[in-house]
Amino acid sequence: MDRVRIIDDQLYNLLRQEKIQEFNEKKQATESLPSLQLCDFRGLDLRGMDADGLDLRGAYFRGADLRGIDFRRAHLEGASIASTKISGCFFPVSLTAEEIMMSLNHGTRMRYRPKVAKPT
């Protein structure tokens, strides 16, 4: 089982310090985004974070403030959002409302639903 971790990365450290505007500016100027897979975001106020393209698989957000974040183009499979504030968030289409609610209320890891082939 993989453990949640704190990594030594400039962008991640900005999020840990809740310097969201600075994170967004540096993210826009970065060609290659770091993997934030399995990272610890417990209790952080991340409102306003640009999550576009972020690899947040397995991330741990317990008690974080995620209000208004657009996660539609972030990878959240395996992430846990237990007891977070999520009003106004957008989530990837592959995450069902049930998965989001199970994670929010019980701390389960979110699972993407399998892609269904379109009828021909």
PDB file of N, CA and C in Angstrom:
ATOM      1  N   MET A   1       0.846  -1.189   0.000  1.00  0.00           N
ATOM      2  CA  MET A   1       0.000   0.000   0.000  1.00  0.00           C
ATOM      3  C   MET A   1       0.888   1.248   0.000  1.00  0.00           C
ATOM      4  N   ASP A   2       0.585   2.162  -0.885  1.00  0.00           N
ATOM      5  CA  ASP A   2       1.355   3.399  -0.983  1.00  0.00           C
ATOM      6  C   ASP A   2       0.947   4.362   0.132  1.00  0.00           C
ATOM      7  N   ARG A   3       1.935   5.073   0.626  1.00  0.00           N
ATOM      8  CA  ARG A   3       1.688   6.030   1.704  1.00  0.00           C
ATOM      9  C   ARG A   3       1.599   7.441   1.159  1.00  0.00           C
ATOM     10  N   VAL A   4       0.784   8.235   1.812  1.00  0.00           N
ATOM     11  CA  VAL A   4       0.700   9.645   1.479  1.00  0.00           C
ATOM     12  C   VAL A   4       2.036  10.274   1.851  1.00  0.00           C
ATOM     13  N   ARG A   5       2.471  11.258   1.050  1.00  0.00           N
ATOM     14  CA  ARG A   5       3.816  11.791   1.258  1.00  0.00           C
ATOM     15  C   ARG A   5       3.866  13.304   1.108  1.00  0.00           C
ATOM     16  N   ILE A   6       4.925  13.859   1.614  1.00  0.00           N
ATOM     17  CA  ILE A   6       5.257  15.267   1.413  1.00  0.00           C
ATOM     18  C   ILE A   6       6.522  15.262   0.576  1.00  0.00           C
ATOM     19  N   ILE A   7       6.479  15.904  -0.587  1.00  0.00           N
ATOM     20  CA  ILE A   7       7.627  15.874  -1.491  1.00  0.00           C
ATOM     21  C   ILE A   7       8.364  17.209  -1.475  1.00  0.00           C
ATOM     22  N   ASP A   8       9.596  17.172  -1.930  1.00  0.00           N
ATOM     23  CA  ASP A   8      10.404  18.383  -2.024  1.00  0.00           C
ATOM     24  C   ASP A   8      10.283  18.917  -3.446  1.00  0.00           C
ATOM     25  N   ASP A   9       9.290  19.767  -3.662  1.00  0.00           N
ATOM     26  CA  ASP A   9       9.043  20.354  -4.966  1.00  0.00           C
ATOM     27  C   ASP A   9       8.546  21.780  -4.754  1.00  0.00           C
ATOM     28  N   GLN A  10       9.050  22.705  -5.550  1.00  0.00           N
ATOM     29  CA  GLN A  10       8.707  24.117  -5.377  1.00  0.00           C
ATOM     30  C   GLN A  10       7.205  24.370  -5.493  1.00  0.00           C
ATOM     31  N   LEU A  11       6.555  23.809  -6.517  1.00  0.00           N
ATOM     32  CA  LEU A  11       5.113  24.043  -6.683  1.00  0.00           C
ATOM     33  C   LEU A  11       4.319  23.436  -5.529  1.00  0.00           C
ATOM     34  N   TYR A  12       4.663  22.226  -5.150  1.00  0.00           N
ATOM     35  CA  TYR A  12       3.974  21.578  -4.035  1.00  0.00           C
ATOM     36  C   TYR A  12       4.159  22.379  -2.740  1.00  0.00           C
ATOM     37  N   ASN A  13       5.369  22.859  -2.509  1.00  0.00           N
ATOM     38  CA  ASN A  13       5.633  23.645  -1.300  1.00  0.00           C
ATOM     39  C   ASN A  13       4.802  24.925  -1.268  1.00  0.00           C
ATOM     40  N   LEU A  14       4.569  25.534  -2.421  1.00  0.00           N
ATOM     41  CA  LEU A  14       3.711  26.728  -2.465  1.00  0.00           C
ATOM     42  C   LEU A  14       2.292  26.381  -2.040  1.00  0.00           C
ATOM     43  N   LEU A  15       1.793  25.235  -2.473  1.00  0.00           N
ATOM     44  CA  LEU A  15       0.457  24.804  -2.049  1.00  0.00           C
ATOM     45  C   LEU A  15       0.433  24.528  -0.551  1.00  0.00           C
ATOM     46  N   ARG A  16       1.450  23.880  -0.028  1.00  0.00           N
ATOM     47  CA  ARG A  16       1.516  23.576   1.405  1.00  0.00           C
ATOM     48  C   ARG A  16       1.550  24.855   2.238  1.00  0.00           C
ATOM     49  N   GLN A  17       2.106  25.938   1.654  1.00  0.00           N
ATOM     50  CA  GLN A  17       2.155  27.227   2.348  1.00  0.00           C
ATOM     51  C   GLN A  17       0.917  28.077   2.039  1.00  0.00           C
ATOM     52  N   GLU A  18      -0.020  27.508   1.257  1.00  0.00           N
ATOM     53  CA  GLU A  18      -1.252  28.172   0.848  1.00  0.00           C
ATOM     54  C   GLU A  18      -0.997  29.454   0.057  1.00  0.00           C
ATOM     55  N   LYS A  19       0.071  29.479  -0.699  1.00  0.00           N
ATOM     56  CA  LYS A  19       0.391  30.600  -1.590  1.00  0.00           C
ATOM     57  C   LYS A  19      -0.167  30.270  -2.970  1.00  0.00           C
ATOM     58  N   ILE A  20      -1.485  30.333  -3.069  1.00  0.00           N
ATOM     59  CA  ILE A  20      -2.193  29.852  -4.244  1.00  0.00           C
ATOM     60  C   ILE A  20      -1.921  30.711  -5.476  1.00  0.00           C
ATOM     61  N   GLN A  21      -1.961  32.006  -5.331  1.00  0.00           N
ATOM     62  CA  GLN A  21      -1.716  32.879  -6.484  1.00  0.00           C
ATOM     63  C   GLN A  21      -0.311  32.651  -7.043  1.00  0.00           C
ATOM     64  N   GLU A  22       0.673  32.556  -6.166  1.00  0.00           N
ATOM     65  CA  GLU A  22       2.047  32.313  -6.603  1.00  0.00           C
ATOM     66  C   GLU A  22       2.171  30.937  -7.266  1.00  0.00           C
ATOM     67  N   PHE A  23       1.483  29.929  -6.700  1.00  0.00           N
ATOM     68  CA  PHE A  23       1.464  28.603  -7.310  1.00  0.00           C
ATOM     69  C   PHE A  23       0.918  28.684  -8.734  1.00  0.00           C
ATOM     70  N   ASN A  24      -0.227  29.354  -8.900  1.00  0.00           N
ATOM     71  CA  ASN A  24      -0.853  29.461 -10.221  1.00  0.00           C
ATOM     72  C   ASN A  24       0.067  30.144 -11.227  1.00  0.00           C
ATOM     73  N   GLU A  25       0.743  31.201 -10.800  1.00  0.00           N
ATOM     74  CA  GLU A  25       1.653  31.923 -11.700  1.00  0.00           C
ATOM     75  C   GLU A  25       2.833  31.041 -12.116  1.00  0.00           C
ATOM     76  N   LYS A  26       3.436  30.353 -11.156  1.00  0.00           N
ATOM     77  CA  LYS A  26       4.581  29.488 -11.460  1.00  0.00           C
ATOM     78  C   LYS A  26       4.153  28.272 -12.274  1.00  0.00           C
ATOM     79  N   LYS A  27       2.957  27.761 -12.008  1.00  0.00           N
ATOM     80  CA  LYS A  27       2.437  26.618 -12.773  1.00  0.00           C
ATOM     81  C   LYS A  27       2.289  26.994 -14.239  1.00  0.00           C
ATOM     82  N   GLN A  28       1.768  28.194 -14.505  1.00  0.00           N
ATOM     83  CA  GLN A  28       1.587  28.649 -15.885  1.00  0.00           C
ATOM     84  C   GLN A  28       2.919  28.780 -16.616  1.00  0.00           C
ATOM     85  N   ALA A  29       3.978  29.107 -15.891  1.00  0.00           N
ATOM     86  CA  ALA A  29       5.302  29.306 -16.493  1.00  0.00           C
ATOM     87  C   ALA A  29       6.111  28.014 -16.574  1.00  0.00           C
ATOM     88  N   THR A  30       5.554  26.912 -16.054  1.00  0.00           N
ATOM     89  CA  THR A  30       6.268  25.633 -16.020  1.00  0.00           C
ATOM     90  C   THR A  30       5.834  24.764 -17.188  1.00  0.00           C
ATOM     91  N   GLU A  31       6.813  24.213 -17.898  1.00  0.00           N
ATOM     92  CA  GLU A  31       6.498  23.333 -19.028  1.00  0.00           C
ATOM     93  C   GLU A  31       6.109  21.938 -18.575  1.00  0.00           C
ATOM     94  N   SER A  32       6.761  21.436 -17.547  1.00  0.00           N
ATOM     95  CA  SER A  32       6.525  20.078 -17.070  1.00  0.00           C
ATOM     96  C   SER A  32       6.057  20.123 -15.620  1.00  0.00           C
ATOM     97  N   LEU A  33       4.820  19.729 -15.409  1.00  0.00           N
ATOM     98  CA  LEU A  33       4.263  19.759 -14.055  1.00  0.00           C
ATOM     99  C   LEU A  33       4.754  18.562 -13.249  1.00  0.00           C
ATOM    100  N   PRO A  34       5.002  18.759 -11.962  1.00  0.00           N
ATOM    101  CA  PRO A  34       5.421  17.629 -11.127  1.00  0.00           C
ATOM    102  C   PRO A  34       4.231  16.711 -10.860  1.00  0.00           C
ATOM    103  N   SER A  35       4.511  15.463 -10.552  1.00  0.00           N
ATOM    104  CA  SER A  35       3.456  14.563 -10.112  1.00  0.00           C
ATOM    105  C   SER A  35       3.173  14.855  -8.647  1.00  0.00           C
ATOM    106  N   LEU A  36       1.939  15.119  -8.349  1.00  0.00           N
ATOM    107  CA  LEU A  36       1.519  15.336  -6.964  1.00  0.00           C
ATOM    108  C   LEU A  36       0.787  14.099  -6.458  1.00  0.00           C
ATOM    109  N   GLN A  37       1.095  12.990  -7.101  1.00  0.00           N
ATOM    110  CA  GLN A  37       0.488  11.712  -6.761  1.00  0.00           C
ATOM    111  C   GLN A  37       0.845  11.341  -5.323  1.00  0.00           C
ATOM    112  N   LEU A  38      -0.164  10.935  -4.565  1.00  0.00           N
ATOM    113  CA  LEU A  38      -0.026  10.522  -3.160  1.00  0.00           C
ATOM    114  C   LEU A  38       0.408  11.645  -2.222  1.00  0.00           C
ATOM    115  N   CYS A  39       0.292  12.897  -2.642  1.00  0.00           N
ATOM    116  CA  CYS A  39       0.726  14.007  -1.791  1.00  0.00           C
ATOM    117  C   CYS A  39      -0.302  14.342  -0.716  1.00  0.00           C
ATOM    118  N   ASP A  40       0.182  14.913   0.359  1.00  0.00           N
ATOM    119  CA  ASP A  40      -0.610  15.265   1.525  1.00  0.00           C
ATOM    120  C   ASP A  40      -1.051  16.726   1.430  1.00  0.00           C
ATOM    121  N   PHE A  41      -2.370  16.936   1.391  1.00  0.00           N
ATOM    122  CA  PHE A  41      -2.948  18.280   1.350  1.00  0.00           C
ATOM    123  C   PHE A  41      -3.907  18.493   2.530  1.00  0.00           C
ATOM    124  N   ARG A  42      -3.744  17.709   3.583  1.00  0.00           N
ATOM    125  CA  ARG A  42      -4.654  17.761   4.727  1.00  0.00           C
ATOM    126  C   ARG A  42      -4.808  19.168   5.291  1.00  0.00           C
ATOM    127  N   GLY A  43      -6.071  19.594   5.436  1.00  0.00           N
ATOM    128  CA  GLY A  43      -6.388  20.832   6.133  1.00  0.00           C
ATOM    129  C   GLY A  43      -6.002  22.119   5.433  1.00  0.00           C
ATOM    130  N   LEU A  44      -5.520  22.041   4.197  1.00  0.00           N
ATOM    131  CA  LEU A  44      -5.072  23.256   3.510  1.00  0.00           C
ATOM    132  C   LEU A  44      -6.225  24.014   2.869  1.00  0.00           C
ATOM    133  N   ASP A  45      -6.083  25.319   2.775  1.00  0.00           N
ATOM    134  CA  ASP A  45      -7.032  26.165   2.053  1.00  0.00           C
ATOM    135  C   ASP A  45      -6.483  26.322   0.641  1.00  0.00           C
ATOM    136  N   LEU A  46      -7.056  25.582  -0.298  1.00  0.00           N
ATOM    137  CA  LEU A  46      -6.569  25.566  -1.674  1.00  0.00           C
ATOM    138  C   LEU A  46      -7.503  26.313  -2.629  1.00  0.00           C
ATOM    139  N   ARG A  47      -8.428  27.077  -2.092  1.00  0.00           N
ATOM    140  CA  ARG A  47      -9.361  27.819  -2.945  1.00  0.00           C
ATOM    141  C   ARG A  47      -8.596  28.660  -3.961  1.00  0.00           C
ATOM    142  N   GLY A  48      -9.051  28.600  -5.210  1.00  0.00           N
ATOM    143  CA  GLY A  48      -8.423  29.378  -6.268  1.00  0.00           C
ATOM    144  C   GLY A  48      -7.307  28.635  -6.992  1.00  0.00           C
ATOM    145  N   MET A  49      -6.975  27.426  -6.548  1.00  0.00           N
ATOM    146  CA  MET A  49      -5.900  26.663  -7.175  1.00  0.00           C
ATOM    147  C   MET A  49      -6.274  26.286  -8.603  1.00  0.00           C
ATOM    148  N   ASP A  50      -5.332  26.466  -9.522  1.00  0.00           N
ATOM    149  CA  ASP A  50      -5.493  26.020 -10.908  1.00  0.00           C
ATOM    150  C   ASP A  50      -5.100  24.550 -10.948  1.00  0.00           C
ATOM    151  N   ALA A  51      -6.089  23.656 -10.986  1.00  0.00           N
ATOM    152  CA  ALA A  51      -5.839  22.215 -10.954  1.00  0.00           C
ATOM    153  C   ALA A  51      -5.724  21.607 -12.346  1.00  0.00           C
ATOM    154  N   ASP A  52      -5.841  22.414 -13.378  1.00  0.00           N
ATOM    155  CA  ASP A  52      -5.821  21.912 -14.750  1.00  0.00           C
ATOM    156  C   ASP A  52      -4.543  21.117 -15.023  1.00  0.00           C
ATOM    157  N   GLY A  53      -4.709  19.839 -15.381  1.00  0.00           N
ATOM    158  CA  GLY A  53      -3.582  18.997 -15.750  1.00  0.00           C
ATOM    159  C   GLY A  53      -2.793  18.397 -14.598  1.00  0.00           C
ATOM    160  N   LEU A  54      -3.200  18.631 -13.365  1.00  0.00           N
ATOM    161  CA  LEU A  54      -2.441  18.114 -12.228  1.00  0.00           C
ATOM    162  C   LEU A  54      -2.688  16.621 -12.016  1.00  0.00           C
ATOM    163  N   ASP A  55      -1.625  15.898 -11.689  1.00  0.00           N
ATOM    164  CA  ASP A  55      -1.713  14.483 -11.339  1.00  0.00           C
ATOM    165  C   ASP A  55      -1.869  14.399  -9.826  1.00  0.00           C
ATOM    166  N   LEU A  56      -3.104  14.220  -9.382  1.00  0.00           N
ATOM    167  CA  LEU A  56      -3.440  14.176  -7.957  1.00  0.00           C
ATOM    168  C   LEU A  56      -3.901  12.784  -7.546  1.00  0.00           C
ATOM    169  N   ARG A  57      -3.508  11.769  -8.308  1.00  0.00           N
ATOM    170  CA  ARG A  57      -3.919  10.399  -7.997  1.00  0.00           C
ATOM    171  C   ARG A  57      -3.450  10.019  -6.595  1.00  0.00           C
ATOM    172  N   GLY A  58      -4.373   9.502  -5.815  1.00  0.00           N
ATOM    173  CA  GLY A  58      -4.050   9.045  -4.468  1.00  0.00           C
ATOM    174  C   GLY A  58      -3.795  10.149  -3.461  1.00  0.00           C
ATOM    175  N   ALA A  59      -3.982  11.406  -3.845  1.00  0.00           N
ATOM    176  CA  ALA A  59      -3.736  12.524  -2.925  1.00  0.00           C
ATOM    177  C   ALA A  59      -4.713  12.478  -1.753  1.00  0.00           C
ATOM    178  N   TYR A  60      -4.294  13.052  -0.649  1.00  0.00           N
ATOM    179  CA  TYR A  60      -5.064  13.025   0.589  1.00  0.00           C
ATOM    180  C   TYR A  60      -5.432  14.458   0.963  1.00  0.00           C
ATOM    181  N   PHE A  61      -6.730  14.769   0.882  1.00  0.00           N
ATOM    182  CA  PHE A  61      -7.215  16.133   1.088  1.00  0.00           C
ATOM    183  C   PHE A  61      -8.018  16.316   2.383  1.00  0.00           C
ATOM    184  N   ARG A  62      -8.016  15.369   3.279  1.00  0.00           N
ATOM    185  CA  ARG A  62      -8.886  15.428   4.465  1.00  0.00           C
ATOM    186  C   ARG A  62      -8.917  16.833   5.083  1.00  0.00           C
ATOM    187  N   GLY A  63     -10.157  17.355   5.213  1.00  0.00           N
ATOM    188  CA  GLY A  63     -10.362  18.635   5.885  1.00  0.00           C
ATOM    189  C   GLY A  63      -9.922  19.866   5.103  1.00  0.00           C
ATOM    190  N   ALA A  64      -9.513  19.695   3.850  1.00  0.00           N
ATOM    191  CA  ALA A  64      -9.054  20.840   3.052  1.00  0.00           C
ATOM    192  C   ALA A  64     -10.243  21.656   2.541  1.00  0.00           C
ATOM    193  N   ASP A  65      -9.977  22.891   2.196  1.00  0.00           N
ATOM    194  CA  ASP A  65     -10.984  23.761   1.604  1.00  0.00           C
ATOM    195  C   ASP A  65     -10.718  23.799   0.097  1.00  0.00           C
ATOM    196  N   LEU A  66     -11.573  23.123  -0.648  1.00  0.00           N
ATOM    197  CA  LEU A  66     -11.416  22.996  -2.101  1.00  0.00           C
ATOM    198  C   LEU A  66     -12.488  23.780  -2.853  1.00  0.00           C
ATOM    199  N   ARG A  67     -13.214  24.622  -2.171  1.00  0.00           N
ATOM    200  CA  ARG A  67     -14.353  25.303  -2.785  1.00  0.00           C
ATOM    201  C   ARG A  67     -13.975  26.021  -4.078  1.00  0.00           C
ATOM    202  N   GLY A  68     -14.790  25.761  -5.104  1.00  0.00           N
ATOM    203  CA  GLY A  68     -14.658  26.465  -6.369  1.00  0.00           C
ATOM    204  C   GLY A  68     -13.576  25.950  -7.303  1.00  0.00           C
ATOM    205  N   ILE A  69     -12.832  24.924  -6.929  1.00  0.00           N
ATOM    206  CA  ILE A  69     -11.753  24.423  -7.791  1.00  0.00           C
ATOM    207  C   ILE A  69     -12.333  23.605  -8.941  1.00  0.00           C
ATOM    208  N   ASP A  70     -11.774  23.815 -10.117  1.00  0.00           N
ATOM    209  CA  ASP A  70     -12.184  23.063 -11.305  1.00  0.00           C
ATOM    210  C   ASP A  70     -11.207  21.895 -11.491  1.00  0.00           C
ATOM    211  N   PHE A  71     -11.652  20.701 -11.114  1.00  0.00           N
ATOM    212  CA  PHE A  71     -10.834  19.496 -11.226  1.00  0.00           C
ATOM    213  C   PHE A  71     -11.119  18.708 -12.509  1.00  0.00           C
ATOM    214  N   ARG A  72     -11.909  19.267 -13.423  1.00  0.00           N
ATOM    215  CA  ARG A  72     -12.319  18.497 -14.594  1.00  0.00           C
ATOM    216  C   ARG A  72     -11.155  17.939 -15.398  1.00  0.00           C
ATOM    217  N   ARG A  73     -10.040  18.639 -15.446  1.00  0.00           N
ATOM    218  CA  ARG A  73      -8.900  18.162 -16.229  1.00  0.00           C
ATOM    219  C   ARG A  73      -7.719  17.751 -15.340  1.00  0.00           C
ATOM    220  N   ALA A  74      -8.030  17.431 -14.084  1.00  0.00           N
ATOM    221  CA  ALA A  74      -7.030  16.890 -13.161  1.00  0.00           C
ATOM    222  C   ALA A  74      -7.281  15.395 -13.032  1.00  0.00           C
ATOM    223  N   HIS A  75      -6.269  14.666 -12.623  1.00  0.00           N
ATOM    224  CA  HIS A  75      -6.428  13.222 -12.430  1.00  0.00           C
ATOM    225  C   HIS A  75      -6.570  12.961 -10.934  1.00  0.00           C
ATOM    226  N   LEU A  76      -7.767  12.525 -10.509  1.00  0.00           N
ATOM    227  CA  LEU A  76      -8.081  12.357  -9.089  1.00  0.00           C
ATOM    228  C   LEU A  76      -8.309  10.913  -8.664  1.00  0.00           C
ATOM    229  N   GLU A  77      -8.074   9.959  -9.548  1.00  0.00           N
ATOM    230  CA  GLU A  77      -8.361   8.574  -9.191  1.00  0.00           C
ATOM    231  C   GLU A  77      -7.563   8.174  -7.949  1.00  0.00           C
ATOM    232  N   GLY A  78      -8.266   7.601  -6.978  1.00  0.00           N
ATOM    233  CA  GLY A  78      -7.622   7.167  -5.738  1.00  0.00           C
ATOM    234  C   GLY A  78      -7.467   8.255  -4.694  1.00  0.00           C
ATOM    235  N   ALA A  79      -7.832   9.488  -5.029  1.00  0.00           N
ATOM    236  CA  ALA A  79      -7.729  10.582  -4.052  1.00  0.00           C
ATOM    237  C   ALA A  79      -8.841  10.447  -3.012  1.00  0.00           C
ATOM    238  N   SER A  80      -8.605  11.013  -1.837  1.00  0.00           N
ATOM    239  CA  SER A  80      -9.590  11.006  -0.771  1.00  0.00           C
ATOM    240  C   SER A  80      -9.895  12.443  -0.367  1.00  0.00           C
ATOM    241  N   ILE A  81     -11.189  12.771  -0.318  1.00  0.00           N
ATOM    242  CA  ILE A  81     -11.616  14.133   0.014  1.00  0.00           C
ATOM    243  C   ILE A  81     -12.445  14.166   1.302  1.00  0.00           C
ATOM    244  N   ALA A  82     -12.149  13.301   2.225  1.00  0.00           N
ATOM    245  CA  ALA A  82     -12.920  13.204   3.469  1.00  0.00           C
ATOM    246  C   ALA A  82     -13.015  14.557   4.173  1.00  0.00           C
ATOM    247  N   SER A  83     -14.231  14.911   4.531  1.00  0.00           N
ATOM    248  CA  SER A  83     -14.507  16.118   5.330  1.00  0.00           C
ATOM    249  C   SER A  83     -13.985  17.402   4.711  1.00  0.00           C
ATOM    250  N   THR A  84     -13.894  17.453   3.382  1.00  0.00           N
ATOM    251  CA  THR A  84     -13.454  18.681   2.724  1.00  0.00           C
ATOM    252  C   THR A  84     -14.647  19.571   2.419  1.00  0.00           C
ATOM    253  N   LYS A  85     -14.359  20.811   2.070  1.00  0.00           N
ATOM    254  CA  LYS A  85     -15.385  21.739   1.598  1.00  0.00           C
ATOM    255  C   LYS A  85     -15.282  21.736   0.077  1.00  0.00           C
ATOM    256  N   ILE A  86     -16.375  21.344  -0.594  1.00  0.00           N
ATOM    257  CA  ILE A  86     -16.316  21.185  -2.055  1.00  0.00           C
ATOM    258  C   ILE A  86     -17.382  21.976  -2.809  1.00  0.00           C
ATOM    259  N   SER A  87     -18.060  22.899  -2.160  1.00  0.00           N
ATOM    260  CA  SER A  87     -19.110  23.606  -2.883  1.00  0.00           C
ATOM    261  C   SER A  87     -18.499  24.375  -4.055  1.00  0.00           C
ATOM    262  N   GLY A  88     -19.180  24.300  -5.183  1.00  0.00           N
ATOM    263  CA  GLY A  88     -18.734  24.999  -6.377  1.00  0.00           C
ATOM    264  C   GLY A  88     -17.644  24.290  -7.158  1.00  0.00           C
ATOM    265  N   CYS A  89     -17.233  23.108  -6.726  1.00  0.00           N
ATOM    266  CA  CYS A  89     -16.195  22.361  -7.453  1.00  0.00           C
ATOM    267  C   CYS A  89     -16.765  21.692  -8.697  1.00  0.00           C
ATOM    268  N   PHE A  90     -15.914  21.564  -9.688  1.00  0.00           N
ATOM    269  CA  PHE A  90     -16.187  20.711 -10.835  1.00  0.00           C
ATOM    270  C   PHE A  90     -15.292  19.494 -10.679  1.00  0.00           C
ATOM    271  N   PHE A  91     -15.841  18.299 -10.947  1.00  0.00           N
ATOM    272  CA  PHE A  91     -15.070  17.067 -10.888  1.00  0.00           C
ATOM    273  C   PHE A  91     -15.048  16.414 -12.262  1.00  0.00           C
ATOM    274  N   PRO A  92     -14.055  15.544 -12.513  1.00  0.00           N
ATOM    275  CA  PRO A  92     -14.015  14.852 -13.800  1.00  0.00           C
ATOM    276  C   PRO A  92     -15.312  14.080 -14.048  1.00  0.00           C
ATOM    277  N   VAL A  93     -15.724  14.030 -15.297  1.00  0.00           N
ATOM    278  CA  VAL A  93     -16.954  13.334 -15.676  1.00  0.00           C
ATOM    279  C   VAL A  93     -16.879  11.866 -15.279  1.00  0.00           C
ATOM    280  N   SER A  94     -15.680  11.273 -15.267  1.00  0.00           N
ATOM    281  CA  SER A  94     -15.551   9.857 -14.933  1.00  0.00           C
ATOM    282  C   SER A  94     -15.715   9.548 -13.450  1.00  0.00           C
ATOM    283  N   LEU A  95     -15.910  10.577 -12.625  1.00  0.00           N
ATOM    284  CA  LEU A  95     -16.201  10.363 -11.205  1.00  0.00           C
ATOM    285  C   LEU A  95     -17.696  10.557 -10.992  1.00  0.00           C
ATOM    286  N   THR A  96     -18.340   9.518 -10.515  1.00  0.00           N
ATOM    287  CA  THR A  96     -19.780   9.625 -10.271  1.00  0.00           C
ATOM    288  C   THR A  96     -20.034  10.400  -8.986  1.00  0.00           C
ATOM    289  N   ALA A  97     -21.237  10.926  -8.879  1.00  0.00           N
ATOM    290  CA  ALA A  97     -21.628  11.632  -7.654  1.00  0.00           C
ATOM    291  C   ALA A  97     -21.517  10.706  -6.447  1.00  0.00           C
ATOM    292  N   GLU A  98     -21.837   9.429  -6.631  1.00  0.00           N
ATOM    293  CA  GLU A  98     -21.760   8.466  -5.532  1.00  0.00           C
ATOM    294  C   GLU A  98     -20.319   8.302  -5.041  1.00  0.00           C
ATOM    295  N   GLU A  99     -19.377   8.232  -5.969  1.00  0.00           N
ATOM    296  CA  GLU A  99     -17.965   8.106  -5.584  1.00  0.00           C
ATOM    297  C   GLU A  99     -17.509   9.341  -4.806  1.00  0.00           C
ATOM    298  N   ILE A 100     -17.908  10.494  -5.298  1.00  0.00           N
ATOM    299  CA  ILE A 100     -17.530  11.749  -4.637  1.00  0.00           C
ATOM    300  C   ILE A 100     -18.122  11.791  -3.224  1.00  0.00           C
ATOM    301  N   MET A 101     -19.380  11.450  -3.082  1.00  0.00           N
ATOM    302  CA  MET A 101     -20.036  11.481  -1.774  1.00  0.00           C
ATOM    303  C   MET A 101     -19.467  10.436  -0.814  1.00  0.00           C
ATOM    304  N   MET A 102     -19.136   9.248  -1.325  1.00  0.00           N
ATOM    305  CA  MET A 102     -18.529   8.215  -0.466  1.00  0.00           C
ATOM    306  C   MET A 102     -17.176   8.706   0.061  1.00  0.00           C
ATOM    307  N   SER A 103     -16.412   9.361  -0.785  1.00  0.00           N
ATOM    308  CA  SER A 103     -15.118   9.874  -0.362  1.00  0.00           C
ATOM    309  C   SER A 103     -15.296  11.024   0.626  1.00  0.00           C
ATOM    310  N   LEU A 104     -16.210  11.921   0.321  1.00  0.00           N
ATOM    311  CA  LEU A 104     -16.468  13.077   1.182  1.00  0.00           C
ATOM    312  C   LEU A 104     -16.933  12.646   2.572  1.00  0.00           C
ATOM    313  N   ASN A 105     -17.881  11.704   2.621  1.00  0.00           N
ATOM    314  CA  ASN A 105     -18.482  11.305   3.888  1.00  0.00           C
ATOM    315  C   ASN A 105     -17.744  10.211   4.646  1.00  0.00           C
ATOM    316  N   HIS A 106     -17.037   9.337   3.919  1.00  0.00           N
ATOM    317  CA  HIS A 106     -16.421   8.177   4.559  1.00  0.00           C
ATOM    318  C   HIS A 106     -14.919   8.053   4.308  1.00  0.00           C
ATOM    319  N   GLY A 107     -14.363   8.938   3.496  1.00  0.00           N
ATOM    320  CA  GLY A 107     -12.923   8.903   3.256  1.00  0.00           C
ATOM    321  C   GLY A 107     -12.451   7.853   2.274  1.00  0.00           C
ATOM    322  N   THR A 108     -13.379   7.249   1.535  1.00  0.00           N
ATOM    323  CA  THR A 108     -12.956   6.240   0.564  1.00  0.00           C
ATOM    324  C   THR A 108     -12.151   6.886  -0.549  1.00  0.00           C
ATOM    325  N   ARG A 109     -11.349   6.086  -1.209  1.00  0.00           N
ATOM    326  CA  ARG A 109     -10.573   6.544  -2.358  1.00  0.00           C
ATOM    327  C   ARG A 109     -11.491   6.549  -3.569  1.00  0.00           C
ATOM    328  N   MET A 110     -11.479   7.641  -4.322  1.00  0.00           N
ATOM    329  CA  MET A 110     -12.396   7.771  -5.460  1.00  0.00           C
ATOM    330  C   MET A 110     -11.943   6.904  -6.630  1.00  0.00           C
ATOM    331  N   ARG A 111     -12.905   6.196  -7.225  1.00  0.00           N
ATOM    332  CA  ARG A 111     -12.635   5.330  -8.365  1.00  0.00           C
ATOM    333  C   ARG A 111     -13.348   5.876  -9.594  1.00  0.00           C
ATOM    334  N   TYR A 112     -12.634   5.896 -10.689  1.00  0.00           N
ATOM    335  CA  TYR A 112     -13.235   6.333 -11.947  1.00  0.00           C
ATOM    336  C   TYR A 112     -14.111   5.215 -12.492  1.00  0.00           C
ATOM    337  N   ARG A 113     -15.219   5.588 -13.077  1.00  0.00           N
ATOM    338  CA  ARG A 113     -16.064   4.587 -13.703  1.00  0.00           C
ATOM    339  C   ARG A 113     -15.441   4.198 -15.040  1.00  0.00           C
ATOM    340  N   PRO A 114     -15.608   2.947 -15.433  1.00  0.00           N
ATOM    341  CA  PRO A 114     -15.030   2.517 -16.705  1.00  0.00           C
ATOM    342  C   PRO A 114     -15.699   3.228 -17.875  1.00  0.00           C
ATOM    343  N   LYS A 115     -14.919   3.451 -18.904  1.00  0.00           N
ATOM    344  CA  LYS A 115     -15.479   4.072 -20.105  1.00  0.00           C
ATOM    345  C   LYS A 115     -16.387   3.073 -20.802  1.00  0.00           C
ATOM    346  N   VAL A 116     -17.556   3.542 -21.168  1.00  0.00           N
ATOM    347  CA  VAL A 116     -18.529   2.700 -21.837  1.00  0.00           C
ATOM    348  C   VAL A 116     -18.479   2.997 -23.324  1.00  0.00           C
ATOM    349  N   ALA A 117     -18.403   1.952 -24.112  1.00  0.00           N
ATOM    350  CA  ALA A 117     -18.376   2.136 -25.567  1.00  0.00           C
ATOM    351  C   ALA A 117     -19.706   2.701 -26.029  1.00  0.00           C
ATOM    352  N   LYS A 118     -19.626   3.638 -26.947  1.00  0.00           N
ATOM    353  CA  LYS A 118     -20.836   4.240 -27.497  1.00  0.00           C
ATOM    354  C   LYS A 118     -21.467   3.270 -28.487  1.00  0.00           C
ATOM    355  N   PRO A 119     -22.800   3.161 -28.463  1.00  0.00           N
ATOM    356  CA  PRO A 119     -23.472   2.274 -29.423  1.00  0.00           C
ATOM    357  C   PRO A 119     -23.254   2.764 -30.852  1.00  0.00           C
ATOM    358  N   THR A 120     -23.132   1.830 -31.761  1.00  0.00           N
ATOM    359  CA  THR A 120     -22.934   2.204 -33.162  1.00  0.00           C
ATOM    360  C   THR A 120     -24.200   2.128 -33.957  1.00  0.00           C
TER     361      THR A 120
END
